[in-house]
Amino acid sequence: MRKLVTILIILAISGYLVNSYLEKRAAEEEAVKRFGLAIEKKESVINDLVLETDAITDWVDQLGETKRSKFSTVLTYDLQRVWIQDRPILFRGSVQNVSIVDDSSCTILLEPGLLESGLDKTFFIRPETLRLRLTTKQRTWDDFFASHPDLFSGFGRANNVAVIAKIEKVISSTQINSGGTAIETKTGVGELIRIAYNGIEY
């Protein structure tokens, strides 16, 4: 009798553990599925913006065609050639700063996401050495930020956007980074045409 009770207890515990494992695995699989669907939805929105604006998406590849290696220097000339065209460009990165220009407009400063933009496969480059400074209506920024209030939360990939931008000029300047090192920064200046959220909200 005691042996039977022991066996029943073992079976009950085993059943509980198996059921807990299956529930946990199902929850993890569902979370991965939701994450994948969220990424697909964001990419679909970005693709629609590209089609709507006829934006250039391969400027990183165009940049790489003129360079012999990943260690090659990216010149202002190179960026002028691929950024300043009849069509706007698609730029994936993060918002570094926003400043007011006048009562109705503001500028948004962006740095590229090396992984998202594909720059990591083409060049050894610091994100802060390539920037965009784009002018837009304050209302456009306010509406976007209201929809994504955790953009600057600092968690993971929360600060990640995709913009369609019409670049008018590229300027070069020397900046001092957080480590006190002087670096040359090349900034594309122009107009923000569209902006879409491409991050992960927590």
N, C-alpha and C. Protein backbone atom coordinates (compact mmCIF):
# COMPACT_ATOMS: atom_id res chain seq x y z
N MET A 1 0.82 -1.20 0.00
CA MET A 1 0.00 0.00 0.00
C MET A 1 0.87 1.27 0.00
N ARG A 2 1.89 1.25 0.87
CA ARG A 2 2.79 2.39 0.95
C ARG A 2 3.52 2.59 -0.37
N LYS A 3 3.89 1.47 -1.01
CA LYS A 3 4.58 1.54 -2.29
C LYS A 3 3.68 2.16 -3.35
N LEU A 4 2.41 1.80 -3.35
CA LEU A 4 1.46 2.33 -4.31
C LEU A 4 1.28 3.84 -4.13
N VAL A 5 1.20 4.26 -2.86
CA VAL A 5 1.06 5.69 -2.57
C VAL A 5 2.27 6.46 -3.09
N THR A 6 3.45 5.88 -2.88
CA THR A 6 4.69 6.52 -3.34
C THR A 6 4.69 6.67 -4.85
N ILE A 7 4.26 5.63 -5.55
CA ILE A 7 4.21 5.66 -7.01
C ILE A 7 3.23 6.73 -7.48
N LEU A 8 2.07 6.82 -6.82
CA LEU A 8 1.06 7.82 -7.20
C LEU A 8 1.59 9.23 -6.99
N ILE A 9 2.32 9.43 -5.89
CA ILE A 9 2.90 10.75 -5.61
C ILE A 9 3.92 11.12 -6.69
N ILE A 10 4.77 10.15 -7.05
CA ILE A 10 5.79 10.38 -8.08
C ILE A 10 5.12 10.73 -9.41
N LEU A 11 4.06 9.98 -9.76
CA LEU A 11 3.35 10.24 -11.01
C LEU A 11 2.71 11.62 -11.02
N ALA A 12 2.15 12.00 -9.85
CA ALA A 12 1.51 13.31 -9.75
C ALA A 12 2.53 14.43 -9.92
N ILE A 13 3.68 14.27 -9.26
CA ILE A 13 4.73 15.29 -9.36
C ILE A 13 5.25 15.36 -10.79
N SER A 14 5.47 14.18 -11.39
CA SER A 14 5.96 14.14 -12.78
C SER A 14 4.97 14.81 -13.73
N GLY A 15 3.69 14.51 -13.52
CA GLY A 15 2.66 15.11 -14.37
C GLY A 15 2.63 16.62 -14.22
N TYR A 16 2.78 17.10 -12.98
CA TYR A 16 2.79 18.54 -12.74
C TYR A 16 3.99 19.20 -13.43
N LEU A 17 5.17 18.57 -13.30
CA LEU A 17 6.38 19.14 -13.90
C LEU A 17 6.28 19.17 -15.43
N VAL A 18 5.76 18.07 -16.01
CA VAL A 18 5.61 18.01 -17.46
C VAL A 18 4.62 19.07 -17.93
N ASN A 19 3.51 19.20 -17.21
CA ASN A 19 2.50 20.19 -17.59
C ASN A 19 3.05 21.61 -17.49
N SER A 20 3.82 21.87 -16.41
CA SER A 20 4.42 23.20 -16.24
C SER A 20 5.40 23.50 -17.37
N TYR A 21 6.19 22.48 -17.73
CA TYR A 21 7.17 22.66 -18.81
C TYR A 21 6.46 22.96 -20.13
N LEU A 22 5.40 22.20 -20.42
CA LEU A 22 4.67 22.40 -21.67
C LEU A 22 4.01 23.78 -21.72
N GLU A 23 3.47 24.23 -20.57
CA GLU A 23 2.85 25.55 -20.53
C GLU A 23 3.89 26.65 -20.73
N LYS A 24 5.06 26.48 -20.09
CA LYS A 24 6.13 27.47 -20.23
C LYS A 24 6.63 27.52 -21.67
N ARG A 25 6.79 26.35 -22.27
CA ARG A 25 7.26 26.29 -23.66
C ARG A 25 6.25 26.91 -24.60
N ALA A 26 4.96 26.65 -24.37
CA ALA A 26 3.92 27.22 -25.21
C ALA A 26 3.91 28.74 -25.09
N ALA A 27 4.12 29.24 -23.86
CA ALA A 27 4.14 30.69 -23.65
C ALA A 27 5.33 31.32 -24.35
N GLU A 28 6.50 30.64 -24.29
CA GLU A 28 7.69 31.15 -24.97
C GLU A 28 7.51 31.16 -26.48
N GLU A 29 6.92 30.10 -27.01
CA GLU A 29 6.68 30.02 -28.45
C GLU A 29 5.71 31.11 -28.89
N GLU A 30 4.69 31.39 -28.06
CA GLU A 30 3.72 32.42 -28.39
C GLU A 30 4.38 33.81 -28.36
N ALA A 31 5.30 34.01 -27.39
CA ALA A 31 6.01 35.29 -27.30
C ALA A 31 6.90 35.50 -28.52
N VAL A 32 7.58 34.44 -28.95
CA VAL A 32 8.44 34.52 -30.14
C VAL A 32 7.59 34.81 -31.38
N LYS A 33 6.43 34.17 -31.45
CA LYS A 33 5.53 34.38 -32.59
C LYS A 33 5.06 35.83 -32.64
N ARG A 34 4.66 36.38 -31.46
CA ARG A 34 4.19 37.77 -31.40
C ARG A 34 5.31 38.73 -31.79
N PHE A 35 6.54 38.42 -31.32
CA PHE A 35 7.70 39.26 -31.64
C PHE A 35 7.94 39.26 -33.15
N GLY A 36 7.88 38.08 -33.76
CA GLY A 36 8.09 37.98 -35.20
C GLY A 36 7.02 38.73 -35.98
N LEU A 37 5.77 38.63 -35.53
CA LEU A 37 4.69 39.33 -36.21
C LEU A 37 4.85 40.84 -36.08
N ALA A 38 5.33 41.30 -34.90
CA ALA A 38 5.53 42.73 -34.69
C ALA A 38 6.61 43.26 -35.63
N ILE A 39 7.70 42.48 -35.80
CA ILE A 39 8.77 42.89 -36.71
C ILE A 39 8.25 42.94 -38.15
N GLU A 40 7.49 41.92 -38.54
CA GLU A 40 6.93 41.90 -39.89
C GLU A 40 6.03 43.10 -40.14
N LYS A 41 5.24 43.47 -39.13
CA LYS A 41 4.34 44.61 -39.27
C LYS A 41 5.13 45.91 -39.45
N LYS A 42 6.21 46.08 -38.64
CA LYS A 42 7.04 47.28 -38.77
C LYS A 42 7.70 47.34 -40.14
N GLU A 43 8.23 46.22 -40.59
CA GLU A 43 8.88 46.20 -41.91
C GLU A 43 7.88 46.48 -43.03
N SER A 44 6.65 46.00 -42.84
CA SER A 44 5.61 46.26 -43.84
C SER A 44 5.32 47.76 -43.93
N VAL A 45 5.27 48.43 -42.78
CA VAL A 45 5.03 49.88 -42.75
C VAL A 45 6.17 50.61 -43.45
N ILE A 46 7.41 50.20 -43.15
CA ILE A 46 8.58 50.83 -43.76
C ILE A 46 8.60 50.61 -45.27
N ASN A 47 8.30 49.39 -45.69
CA ASN A 47 8.26 49.09 -47.12
C ASN A 47 7.20 49.93 -47.83
N ASP A 48 6.06 50.16 -47.17
CA ASP A 48 5.01 50.99 -47.77
C ASP A 48 5.50 52.43 -47.92
N LEU A 49 6.26 52.93 -46.93
CA LEU A 49 6.80 54.29 -47.02
C LEU A 49 7.80 54.40 -48.17
N VAL A 50 8.61 53.36 -48.32
CA VAL A 50 9.59 53.35 -49.42
C VAL A 50 8.89 53.40 -50.77
N LEU A 51 7.84 52.60 -50.92
CA LEU A 51 7.10 52.58 -52.18
C LEU A 51 6.39 53.91 -52.43
N GLU A 52 5.85 54.48 -51.35
CA GLU A 52 5.11 55.74 -51.47
C GLU A 52 6.01 56.90 -51.89
N THR A 53 7.25 56.90 -51.38
CA THR A 53 8.15 58.03 -51.63
C THR A 53 9.22 57.72 -52.68
N ASP A 54 9.26 56.47 -53.16
CA ASP A 54 10.29 56.04 -54.12
C ASP A 54 11.69 56.27 -53.55
N ALA A 55 11.85 55.95 -52.28
CA ALA A 55 13.11 56.21 -51.58
C ALA A 55 14.21 55.23 -51.99
N ILE A 56 15.43 55.71 -51.94
CA ILE A 56 16.61 54.89 -52.21
C ILE A 56 16.93 54.06 -50.98
N THR A 57 17.03 52.76 -51.13
CA THR A 57 17.29 51.88 -49.99
C THR A 57 18.69 51.26 -50.00
N ASP A 58 19.41 51.38 -51.12
CA ASP A 58 20.69 50.68 -51.26
C ASP A 58 21.89 51.63 -51.21
N TRP A 59 21.75 52.78 -50.52
CA TRP A 59 22.87 53.73 -50.51
C TRP A 59 24.10 53.17 -49.81
N VAL A 60 23.90 52.28 -48.85
CA VAL A 60 25.05 51.66 -48.17
C VAL A 60 25.82 50.79 -49.17
N ASP A 61 25.09 50.04 -49.99
CA ASP A 61 25.74 49.22 -51.02
C ASP A 61 26.46 50.09 -52.04
N GLN A 62 25.83 51.20 -52.43
CA GLN A 62 26.47 52.13 -53.37
C GLN A 62 27.76 52.69 -52.78
N LEU A 63 27.72 52.96 -51.49
CA LEU A 63 28.90 53.48 -50.80
C LEU A 63 30.03 52.45 -50.81
N GLY A 64 29.65 51.20 -50.59
CA GLY A 64 30.65 50.14 -50.54
C GLY A 64 31.28 49.82 -51.87
N GLU A 65 30.59 50.12 -52.96
CA GLU A 65 31.11 49.79 -54.29
C GLU A 65 32.39 50.56 -54.63
N THR A 66 32.58 51.72 -54.01
CA THR A 66 33.75 52.55 -54.32
C THR A 66 34.92 52.30 -53.38
N LYS A 67 34.74 51.40 -52.39
CA LYS A 67 35.77 51.19 -51.38
C LYS A 67 36.42 49.82 -51.54
N ARG A 68 37.72 49.79 -51.30
CA ARG A 68 38.46 48.54 -51.48
C ARG A 68 38.33 47.61 -50.28
N SER A 69 38.08 48.18 -49.08
CA SER A 69 37.97 47.34 -47.89
C SER A 69 37.08 48.02 -46.85
N LYS A 70 36.77 47.27 -45.79
CA LYS A 70 35.94 47.80 -44.71
C LYS A 70 36.66 48.89 -43.93
N PHE A 71 37.99 48.98 -44.11
CA PHE A 71 38.76 49.98 -43.38
C PHE A 71 38.90 51.29 -44.16
N SER A 72 38.36 51.35 -45.37
CA SER A 72 38.47 52.54 -46.19
C SER A 72 37.75 53.72 -45.55
N THR A 73 38.30 54.91 -45.73
CA THR A 73 37.69 56.12 -45.19
C THR A 73 36.48 56.53 -46.03
N VAL A 74 35.40 56.88 -45.36
CA VAL A 74 34.22 57.40 -46.04
C VAL A 74 34.38 58.91 -46.15
N LEU A 75 34.47 59.40 -47.37
CA LEU A 75 34.67 60.83 -47.61
C LEU A 75 33.34 61.56 -47.70
N THR A 76 33.40 62.88 -47.49
CA THR A 76 32.22 63.71 -47.69
C THR A 76 31.71 63.54 -49.11
N TYR A 77 32.63 63.48 -50.05
CA TYR A 77 32.29 63.28 -51.46
C TYR A 77 31.47 62.02 -51.66
N ASP A 78 31.86 60.94 -50.97
CA ASP A 78 31.15 59.67 -51.11
C ASP A 78 29.69 59.80 -50.67
N LEU A 79 29.50 60.48 -49.54
CA LEU A 79 28.15 60.64 -49.01
C LEU A 79 27.32 61.59 -49.88
N GLN A 80 27.96 62.63 -50.40
CA GLN A 80 27.25 63.52 -51.31
C GLN A 80 26.74 62.76 -52.52
N ARG A 81 27.55 61.84 -53.00
CA ARG A 81 27.19 61.07 -54.19
C ARG A 81 25.99 60.16 -53.95
N VAL A 82 25.90 59.55 -52.78
CA VAL A 82 24.82 58.58 -52.54
C VAL A 82 23.62 59.17 -51.80
N TRP A 83 23.82 60.29 -51.08
CA TRP A 83 22.73 60.90 -50.33
C TRP A 83 21.99 61.99 -51.11
N ILE A 84 22.74 62.79 -51.86
CA ILE A 84 22.12 63.92 -52.56
C ILE A 84 21.73 63.48 -53.97
N GLN A 85 20.48 63.07 -54.08
CA GLN A 85 19.97 62.60 -55.37
C GLN A 85 18.56 63.15 -55.58
N ASP A 86 17.97 62.84 -56.72
CA ASP A 86 16.62 63.32 -57.01
C ASP A 86 15.59 62.68 -56.08
N ARG A 87 15.92 61.50 -55.57
CA ARG A 87 15.00 60.77 -54.70
C ARG A 87 15.49 60.83 -53.25
N PRO A 88 14.57 60.70 -52.30
CA PRO A 88 14.98 60.67 -50.89
C PRO A 88 15.63 59.33 -50.55
N ILE A 89 16.20 59.23 -49.37
CA ILE A 89 16.85 57.99 -48.92
C ILE A 89 16.12 57.41 -47.71
N LEU A 90 16.24 56.11 -47.55
CA LEU A 90 15.79 55.43 -46.34
C LEU A 90 16.97 55.35 -45.39
N PHE A 91 16.78 55.81 -44.16
CA PHE A 91 17.86 55.84 -43.17
C PHE A 91 17.33 55.22 -41.88
N ARG A 92 18.00 54.18 -41.40
CA ARG A 92 17.61 53.50 -40.17
C ARG A 92 18.60 53.85 -39.06
N GLY A 93 18.09 54.30 -37.93
CA GLY A 93 18.99 54.67 -36.84
C GLY A 93 18.26 55.06 -35.58
N SER A 94 18.89 55.93 -34.80
CA SER A 94 18.31 56.35 -33.52
C SER A 94 18.31 57.88 -33.43
N VAL A 95 17.34 58.40 -32.69
CA VAL A 95 17.22 59.84 -32.49
C VAL A 95 18.15 60.26 -31.35
N GLN A 96 19.07 61.18 -31.65
CA GLN A 96 20.03 61.63 -30.65
C GLN A 96 19.62 62.94 -29.99
N ASN A 97 18.90 63.77 -30.72
CA ASN A 97 18.50 65.05 -30.17
C ASN A 97 17.39 65.65 -31.02
N VAL A 98 16.60 66.53 -30.40
CA VAL A 98 15.56 67.29 -31.10
C VAL A 98 15.65 68.73 -30.61
N SER A 99 15.65 69.69 -31.52
CA SER A 99 15.75 71.10 -31.12
C SER A 99 14.77 71.95 -31.92
N ILE A 100 14.28 73.01 -31.29
CA ILE A 100 13.31 73.90 -31.91
C ILE A 100 14.02 74.87 -32.86
N VAL A 101 13.44 75.05 -34.04
CA VAL A 101 13.95 76.02 -35.01
C VAL A 101 13.16 77.33 -34.90
N ASP A 102 11.84 77.21 -34.93
CA ASP A 102 10.96 78.37 -34.77
C ASP A 102 9.65 77.89 -34.17
N ASP A 103 8.61 78.70 -34.29
CA ASP A 103 7.33 78.37 -33.65
C ASP A 103 6.69 77.10 -34.18
N SER A 104 7.03 76.72 -35.40
CA SER A 104 6.33 75.58 -36.01
C SER A 104 7.23 74.42 -36.44
N SER A 105 8.54 74.62 -36.45
CA SER A 105 9.44 73.56 -36.94
C SER A 105 10.53 73.21 -35.94
N CYS A 106 11.14 72.08 -36.17
CA CYS A 106 12.23 71.60 -35.32
C CYS A 106 13.20 70.77 -36.16
N THR A 107 14.36 70.48 -35.59
CA THR A 107 15.31 69.59 -36.27
C THR A 107 15.52 68.34 -35.43
N ILE A 108 15.69 67.24 -36.12
CA ILE A 108 15.93 65.95 -35.48
C ILE A 108 17.32 65.48 -35.89
N LEU A 109 18.14 65.13 -34.90
CA LEU A 109 19.48 64.63 -35.16
C LEU A 109 19.48 63.11 -35.00
N LEU A 110 19.95 62.40 -36.04
CA LEU A 110 19.94 60.95 -36.01
C LEU A 110 21.32 60.38 -36.27
N GLU A 111 21.60 59.23 -35.67
CA GLU A 111 22.80 58.45 -35.96
C GLU A 111 22.35 57.11 -36.51
N PRO A 112 23.13 56.52 -37.40
CA PRO A 112 22.71 55.24 -38.00
C PRO A 112 22.80 54.08 -37.03
N GLY A 113 21.89 53.13 -37.18
CA GLY A 113 22.03 51.85 -36.50
C GLY A 113 22.90 50.98 -37.40
N LEU A 114 24.09 50.63 -36.94
CA LEU A 114 25.03 49.91 -37.81
C LEU A 114 24.45 48.58 -38.28
N LEU A 115 23.79 47.88 -37.38
CA LEU A 115 23.20 46.58 -37.74
C LEU A 115 22.00 46.76 -38.65
N GLU A 116 21.09 47.69 -38.26
CA GLU A 116 19.86 47.89 -39.02
C GLU A 116 20.12 48.43 -40.42
N SER A 117 21.12 49.31 -40.55
CA SER A 117 21.39 49.93 -41.84
C SER A 117 22.25 49.07 -42.75
N GLY A 118 22.95 48.09 -42.15
CA GLY A 118 23.85 47.26 -42.93
C GLY A 118 25.27 47.81 -42.98
N LEU A 119 25.50 48.95 -42.32
CA LEU A 119 26.84 49.55 -42.33
C LEU A 119 27.88 48.65 -41.67
N ASP A 120 27.45 47.82 -40.70
CA ASP A 120 28.39 46.94 -40.01
C ASP A 120 29.01 45.91 -40.95
N LYS A 121 28.29 45.57 -42.03
CA LYS A 121 28.81 44.59 -42.99
C LYS A 121 29.73 45.23 -44.02
N THR A 122 29.65 46.56 -44.14
CA THR A 122 30.37 47.27 -45.19
C THR A 122 31.61 48.00 -44.69
N PHE A 123 31.49 48.60 -43.48
CA PHE A 123 32.60 49.41 -42.96
C PHE A 123 32.79 49.20 -41.47
N PHE A 124 34.05 49.40 -41.03
CA PHE A 124 34.32 49.56 -39.61
C PHE A 124 34.15 51.05 -39.33
N ILE A 125 33.05 51.42 -38.71
CA ILE A 125 32.73 52.84 -38.58
C ILE A 125 31.98 53.09 -37.27
N ARG A 126 32.22 54.24 -36.67
CA ARG A 126 31.49 54.62 -35.47
C ARG A 126 30.18 55.29 -35.87
N PRO A 127 29.08 54.97 -35.16
CA PRO A 127 27.80 55.57 -35.53
C PRO A 127 27.83 57.10 -35.51
N GLU A 128 28.57 57.68 -34.54
CA GLU A 128 28.55 59.13 -34.40
C GLU A 128 29.30 59.86 -35.51
N THR A 129 29.99 59.13 -36.39
CA THR A 129 30.71 59.79 -37.48
C THR A 129 29.82 60.06 -38.69
N LEU A 130 28.64 59.46 -38.71
CA LEU A 130 27.66 59.71 -39.78
C LEU A 130 26.34 60.12 -39.13
N ARG A 131 25.82 61.26 -39.56
CA ARG A 131 24.58 61.74 -38.95
C ARG A 131 23.66 62.36 -39.99
N LEU A 132 22.39 62.47 -39.61
CA LEU A 132 21.44 63.25 -40.38
C LEU A 132 20.85 64.32 -39.46
N ARG A 133 20.71 65.53 -39.98
CA ARG A 133 20.03 66.60 -39.26
C ARG A 133 18.87 67.06 -40.13
N LEU A 134 17.67 66.70 -39.71
CA LEU A 134 16.49 66.87 -40.56
C LEU A 134 15.49 67.85 -39.95
N THR A 135 14.97 68.69 -40.79
CA THR A 135 13.96 69.65 -40.37
C THR A 135 12.57 69.09 -40.62
N THR A 136 11.67 69.32 -39.67
CA THR A 136 10.29 68.88 -39.83
C THR A 136 9.39 69.78 -39.00
N LYS A 137 8.10 69.62 -39.14
CA LYS A 137 7.15 70.38 -38.33
C LYS A 137 7.15 69.86 -36.89
N GLN A 138 7.03 70.75 -35.93
CA GLN A 138 6.97 70.33 -34.54
C GLN A 138 5.82 69.36 -34.32
N ARG A 139 4.72 69.58 -35.01
CA ARG A 139 3.54 68.71 -34.84
C ARG A 139 3.87 67.28 -35.25
N THR A 140 4.66 67.14 -36.30
CA THR A 140 5.04 65.80 -36.76
C THR A 140 5.81 65.07 -35.67
N TRP A 141 6.79 65.77 -35.07
CA TRP A 141 7.58 65.14 -34.01
C TRP A 141 6.73 64.89 -32.77
N ASP A 142 5.91 65.86 -32.38
CA ASP A 142 5.09 65.71 -31.17
C ASP A 142 4.15 64.51 -31.30
N ASP A 143 3.54 64.35 -32.46
CA ASP A 143 2.63 63.22 -32.67
C ASP A 143 3.39 61.88 -32.61
N PHE A 144 4.57 61.86 -33.22
CA PHE A 144 5.36 60.62 -33.22
C PHE A 144 5.80 60.27 -31.80
N PHE A 145 6.31 61.26 -31.06
CA PHE A 145 6.80 60.99 -29.71
C PHE A 145 5.66 60.61 -28.77
N ALA A 146 4.48 61.21 -28.97
CA ALA A 146 3.33 60.86 -28.15
C ALA A 146 2.94 59.39 -28.33
N SER A 147 3.17 58.88 -29.53
CA SER A 147 2.86 57.46 -29.81
C SER A 147 3.93 56.52 -29.27
N HIS A 148 5.15 57.06 -29.03
CA HIS A 148 6.26 56.23 -28.55
C HIS A 148 7.00 56.95 -27.43
N PRO A 149 6.36 57.11 -26.28
CA PRO A 149 6.94 57.88 -25.17
C PRO A 149 8.17 57.25 -24.54
N ASP A 150 8.40 55.95 -24.79
CA ASP A 150 9.57 55.28 -24.22
C ASP A 150 10.77 55.30 -25.15
N LEU A 151 10.73 56.14 -26.17
CA LEU A 151 11.81 56.18 -27.17
C LEU A 151 13.16 56.41 -26.52
N PHE A 152 13.21 57.28 -25.50
CA PHE A 152 14.48 57.61 -24.85
C PHE A 152 14.63 56.93 -23.49
N SER A 153 13.96 55.81 -23.30
CA SER A 153 14.01 55.11 -22.02
C SER A 153 15.38 54.49 -21.74
N GLY A 154 16.13 54.24 -22.81
CA GLY A 154 17.46 53.65 -22.63
C GLY A 154 17.47 52.15 -22.59
N PHE A 155 16.32 51.52 -22.74
CA PHE A 155 16.24 50.06 -22.69
C PHE A 155 16.41 49.46 -24.08
N GLY A 156 17.42 48.61 -24.24
CA GLY A 156 17.60 47.83 -25.46
C GLY A 156 17.48 48.63 -26.74
N ARG A 157 16.60 48.17 -27.62
CA ARG A 157 16.42 48.77 -28.93
C ARG A 157 15.18 49.66 -28.97
N ALA A 158 14.85 50.30 -27.84
CA ALA A 158 13.67 51.17 -27.81
C ALA A 158 13.84 52.34 -28.77
N ASN A 159 15.05 52.91 -28.82
CA ASN A 159 15.31 54.07 -29.68
C ASN A 159 15.79 53.59 -31.04
N ASN A 160 14.85 53.30 -31.89
CA ASN A 160 15.18 52.79 -33.22
C ASN A 160 14.09 53.24 -34.19
N VAL A 161 14.47 54.01 -35.19
CA VAL A 161 13.49 54.55 -36.14
C VAL A 161 13.97 54.34 -37.57
N ALA A 162 13.04 54.49 -38.48
CA ALA A 162 13.36 54.51 -39.91
C ALA A 162 12.79 55.81 -40.46
N VAL A 163 13.61 56.55 -41.18
CA VAL A 163 13.13 57.81 -41.75
C VAL A 163 13.34 57.84 -43.26
N ILE A 164 12.45 58.54 -43.92
CA ILE A 164 12.63 58.88 -45.33
C ILE A 164 13.06 60.34 -45.34
N ALA A 165 14.23 60.64 -45.91
CA ALA A 165 14.79 61.98 -45.84
C ALA A 165 15.30 62.45 -47.19
N LYS A 166 15.07 63.72 -47.48
CA LYS A 166 15.60 64.36 -48.68
C LYS A 166 16.80 65.20 -48.26
N ILE A 167 18.00 64.73 -48.63
CA ILE A 167 19.24 65.39 -48.21
C ILE A 167 19.61 66.49 -49.21
N GLU A 168 19.93 67.67 -48.67
CA GLU A 168 20.27 68.83 -49.51
C GLU A 168 21.77 69.09 -49.54
N LYS A 169 22.46 68.78 -48.46
CA LYS A 169 23.90 68.99 -48.42
C LYS A 169 24.53 68.09 -47.35
N VAL A 170 25.84 67.90 -47.44
CA VAL A 170 26.59 67.14 -46.44
C VAL A 170 27.71 68.03 -45.91
N ILE A 171 27.76 68.21 -44.60
CA ILE A 171 28.79 69.05 -43.99
C ILE A 171 29.70 68.20 -43.12
N SER A 172 30.95 68.61 -43.03
CA SER A 172 31.94 67.89 -42.23
C SER A 172 32.40 68.78 -41.09
N SER A 173 32.51 68.21 -39.89
CA SER A 173 32.96 68.98 -38.73
C SER A 173 33.69 68.06 -37.77
N THR A 174 34.45 68.65 -36.88
CA THR A 174 35.19 67.88 -35.86
C THR A 174 34.46 67.97 -34.53
N GLN A 175 34.19 66.80 -33.96
CA GLN A 175 33.49 66.73 -32.68
C GLN A 175 34.37 66.02 -31.65
N ILE A 176 34.15 66.35 -30.37
CA ILE A 176 34.84 65.65 -29.28
C ILE A 176 33.86 64.66 -28.69
N ASN A 177 34.22 63.36 -28.73
CA ASN A 177 33.30 62.36 -28.21
C ASN A 177 33.41 62.25 -26.70
N SER A 178 32.62 61.34 -26.12
CA SER A 178 32.56 61.20 -24.65
C SER A 178 33.90 60.80 -24.05
N GLY A 179 34.78 60.22 -24.86
CA GLY A 179 36.10 59.82 -24.34
C GLY A 179 37.15 60.89 -24.51
N GLY A 180 36.73 62.05 -25.03
CA GLY A 180 37.67 63.15 -25.21
C GLY A 180 38.46 63.09 -26.49
N THR A 181 38.09 62.18 -27.40
CA THR A 181 38.81 62.04 -28.66
C THR A 181 38.13 62.86 -29.76
N ALA A 182 38.94 63.56 -30.54
CA ALA A 182 38.40 64.34 -31.66
C ALA A 182 38.08 63.40 -32.83
N ILE A 183 36.87 63.47 -33.34
CA ILE A 183 36.47 62.64 -34.47
C ILE A 183 35.81 63.53 -35.53
N GLU A 184 35.98 63.14 -36.78
CA GLU A 184 35.36 63.89 -37.86
C GLU A 184 33.97 63.34 -38.11
N THR A 185 32.99 64.21 -38.05
CA THR A 185 31.59 63.82 -38.25
C THR A 185 31.06 64.40 -39.55
N LYS A 186 30.41 63.57 -40.33
CA LYS A 186 29.80 64.01 -41.58
C LYS A 186 28.29 63.95 -41.41
N THR A 187 27.64 65.09 -41.64
CA THR A 187 26.20 65.21 -41.37
C THR A 187 25.43 65.56 -42.63
N GLY A 188 24.44 64.75 -42.94
CA GLY A 188 23.55 65.05 -44.04
C GLY A 188 22.44 65.96 -43.54
N VAL A 189 22.28 67.11 -44.18
CA VAL A 189 21.28 68.10 -43.77
C VAL A 189 20.15 68.12 -44.79
N GLY A 190 18.92 68.06 -44.29
CA GLY A 190 17.80 68.05 -45.23
C GLY A 190 16.45 68.06 -44.55
N GLU A 191 15.48 67.47 -45.21
CA GLU A 191 14.09 67.51 -44.75
C GLU A 191 13.61 66.10 -44.40
N LEU A 192 12.92 66.01 -43.28
CA LEU A 192 12.27 64.75 -42.91
C LEU A 192 10.96 64.63 -43.69
N ILE A 193 10.82 63.55 -44.43
CA ILE A 193 9.60 63.34 -45.22
C ILE A 193 8.65 62.40 -44.48
N ARG A 194 9.17 61.30 -43.94
CA ARG A 194 8.37 60.35 -43.18
C ARG A 194 9.22 59.78 -42.05
N ILE A 195 8.56 59.36 -40.98
CA ILE A 195 9.26 58.68 -39.88
C ILE A 195 8.39 57.53 -39.39
N ALA A 196 9.04 56.39 -39.12
CA ALA A 196 8.33 55.21 -38.63
C ALA A 196 9.11 54.59 -37.48
N TYR A 197 8.40 54.06 -36.51
CA TYR A 197 9.07 53.42 -35.37
C TYR A 197 9.55 52.03 -35.76
N ASN A 198 10.80 51.71 -35.39
CA ASN A 198 11.36 50.42 -35.78
C ASN A 198 12.01 49.73 -34.59
N GLY A 199 11.65 50.15 -33.39
CA GLY A 199 12.29 49.60 -32.20
C GLY A 199 11.44 48.56 -31.49
N ILE A 200 11.85 48.26 -30.26
CA ILE A 200 11.13 47.30 -29.42
C ILE A 200 10.70 48.04 -28.16
N GLU A 201 9.41 48.14 -27.94
CA GLU A 201 8.90 48.83 -26.77
C GLU A 201 8.71 47.86 -25.63
N TYR A 202 9.17 48.24 -24.43
CA TYR A 202 9.14 47.34 -23.28
C TYR A 202 8.01 47.72 -22.33
